[in-house]
Amino acid sequence: MATPSDAAGKFPADAPEVVVQTKCPPLRSYDTATTQKVGAELRGLLKADPSAAAPGMIADYKLLRDQCKAYGSSR
């Protein structure tokens, strides 16, 4: 029975090693005043429109930032 590597063929012994690096872009820092201002704006938006889409997108952005931070600290 053929294995997946047999089906794809064999690399020559002198083939270069393939290295894949994944990097997150640099994270921007926000000062306390800006963070507080954005929080107040979001609370106002949710009060005016509880089904607003922007807060969910910002939550996704926070998750992505947290994942990048965790990735960076695990290296």
C-alpha atoms as a PDB file:
ATOM      1  CA  MET A   1       0.000   0.000   0.000  1.00  0.00           C
ATOM      2  CA  ALA A   2       1.386   3.397  -0.955  1.00  0.00           C
ATOM      3  CA  THR A   3       1.911   5.971   1.787  1.00  0.00           C
ATOM      4  CA  PRO A   4       1.289   9.690   1.190  1.00  0.00           C
ATOM      5  CA  SER A   5       5.044  10.314   0.989  1.00  0.00           C
ATOM      6  CA  ASP A   6       5.424   7.562  -1.604  1.00  0.00           C
ATOM      7  CA  ALA A   7       2.622   9.074  -3.659  1.00  0.00           C
ATOM      8  CA  ALA A   8       4.242  12.516  -3.579  1.00  0.00           C
ATOM      9  CA  GLY A   9       7.656  11.158  -4.454  1.00  0.00           C
ATOM     10  CA  LYS A  10      10.871  11.398  -2.525  1.00  0.00           C
ATOM     11  CA  PHE A  11      13.015  14.458  -2.015  1.00  0.00           C
ATOM     12  CA  PRO A  12      16.659  14.198  -2.970  1.00  0.00           C
ATOM     13  CA  ALA A  13      18.983  13.780  -0.010  1.00  0.00           C
ATOM     14  CA  ASP A  14      20.475  17.226  -0.591  1.00  0.00           C
ATOM     15  CA  ALA A  15      17.114  19.075  -0.722  1.00  0.00           C
ATOM     16  CA  PRO A  16      17.038  22.172   1.500  1.00  0.00           C
ATOM     17  CA  GLU A  17      15.067  22.065   4.720  1.00  0.00           C
ATOM     18  CA  VAL A  18      11.854  24.057   4.543  1.00  0.00           C
ATOM     19  CA  VAL A  19      11.370  26.420   7.471  1.00  0.00           C
ATOM     20  CA  VAL A  20       8.079  28.209   8.057  1.00  0.00           C
ATOM     21  CA  GLN A  21       7.920  31.085  10.512  1.00  0.00           C
ATOM     22  CA  THR A  22       4.690  32.676  11.624  1.00  0.00           C
ATOM     23  CA  LYS A  23       4.832  36.126  13.123  1.00  0.00           C
ATOM     24  CA  CYS A  24       2.208  38.471  14.432  1.00  0.00           C
ATOM     25  CA  PRO A  25       2.512  42.097  13.443  1.00  0.00           C
ATOM     26  CA  PRO A  26       3.750  44.476  16.135  1.00  0.00           C
ATOM     27  CA  LEU A  27       1.006  45.422  18.571  1.00  0.00           C
ATOM     28  CA  ARG A  28       0.228  49.086  19.030  1.00  0.00           C
ATOM     29  CA  SER A  29       0.115  50.364  22.594  1.00  0.00           C
ATOM     30  CA  TYR A  30      -2.718  52.575  23.800  1.00  0.00           C
ATOM     31  CA  ASP A  31      -2.453  54.910  26.769  1.00  0.00           C
ATOM     32  CA  THR A  32      -4.929  54.758  29.650  1.00  0.00           C
ATOM     33  CA  ALA A  33      -6.802  57.878  28.593  1.00  0.00           C
ATOM     34  CA  THR A  34      -7.411  56.494  25.088  1.00  0.00           C
ATOM     35  CA  THR A  35      -8.515  53.115  26.431  1.00  0.00           C
ATOM     36  CA  GLN A  36     -10.952  54.797  28.825  1.00  0.00           C
ATOM     37  CA  LYS A  37     -12.303  57.029  26.051  1.00  0.00           C
ATOM     38  CA  VAL A  38     -12.909  54.051  23.765  1.00  0.00           C
ATOM     39  CA  GLY A  39     -14.624  52.180  26.612  1.00  0.00           C
ATOM     40  CA  ALA A  40     -16.968  55.119  27.204  1.00  0.00           C
ATOM     41  CA  GLU A  41     -17.702  55.363  23.472  1.00  0.00           C
ATOM     42  CA  LEU A  42     -18.506  51.652  23.281  1.00  0.00           C
ATOM     43  CA  ARG A  43     -20.781  51.797  26.328  1.00  0.00           C
ATOM     44  CA  GLY A  44     -22.605  54.735  24.735  1.00  0.00           C
ATOM     45  CA  LEU A  45     -22.927  52.858  21.451  1.00  0.00           C
ATOM     46  CA  LEU A  46     -24.321  49.765  23.167  1.00  0.00           C
ATOM     47  CA  LYS A  47     -26.745  51.888  25.177  1.00  0.00           C
ATOM     48  CA  ALA A  48     -28.006  53.539  21.985  1.00  0.00           C
ATOM     49  CA  ASP A  49     -28.017  50.310  19.936  1.00  0.00           C
ATOM     50  CA  PRO A  50     -27.715  47.038  21.886  1.00  0.00           C
ATOM     51  CA  SER A  51     -27.317  45.111  18.620  1.00  0.00           C
ATOM     52  CA  ALA A  52     -24.411  47.241  17.343  1.00  0.00           C
ATOM     53  CA  ALA A  53     -21.796  45.226  15.444  1.00  0.00           C
ATOM     54  CA  ALA A  54     -18.703  47.291  16.359  1.00  0.00           C
ATOM     55  CA  PRO A  55     -18.326  45.979  19.947  1.00  0.00           C
ATOM     56  CA  GLY A  56     -18.215  42.390  18.696  1.00  0.00           C
ATOM     57  CA  MET A  57     -15.548  43.279  16.164  1.00  0.00           C
ATOM     58  CA  ILE A  58     -13.514  45.003  18.854  1.00  0.00           C
ATOM     59  CA  ALA A  59     -13.828  41.896  21.041  1.00  0.00           C
ATOM     60  CA  ASP A  60     -12.452  39.853  18.119  1.00  0.00           C
ATOM     61  CA  TYR A  61      -9.560  42.325  17.810  1.00  0.00           C
ATOM     62  CA  LYS A  62      -8.814  41.942  21.525  1.00  0.00           C
ATOM     63  CA  LEU A  63      -8.782  38.156  21.156  1.00  0.00           C
ATOM     64  CA  LEU A  64      -6.356  38.439  18.240  1.00  0.00           C
ATOM     65  CA  ARG A  65      -4.094  40.740  20.280  1.00  0.00           C
ATOM     66  CA  ASP A  66      -4.181  38.289  23.207  1.00  0.00           C
ATOM     67  CA  GLN A  67      -3.280  35.411  20.861  1.00  0.00           C
ATOM     68  CA  CYS A  68      -0.351  37.385  19.420  1.00  0.00           C
ATOM     69  CA  LYS A  69       0.882  38.197  22.931  1.00  0.00           C
ATOM     70  CA  ALA A  70       0.643  34.533  23.934  1.00  0.00           C
ATOM     71  CA  TYR A  71       2.405  33.422  20.760  1.00  0.00           C
ATOM     72  CA  GLY A  72       5.205  35.918  21.342  1.00  0.00           C
ATOM     73  CA  SER A  73       5.720  34.825  24.942  1.00  0.00           C
ATOM     74  CA  SER A  74       5.825  31.135  24.025  1.00  0.00           C
ATOM     75  CA  ARG A  75       8.794  31.559  21.711  1.00  0.00           C
END
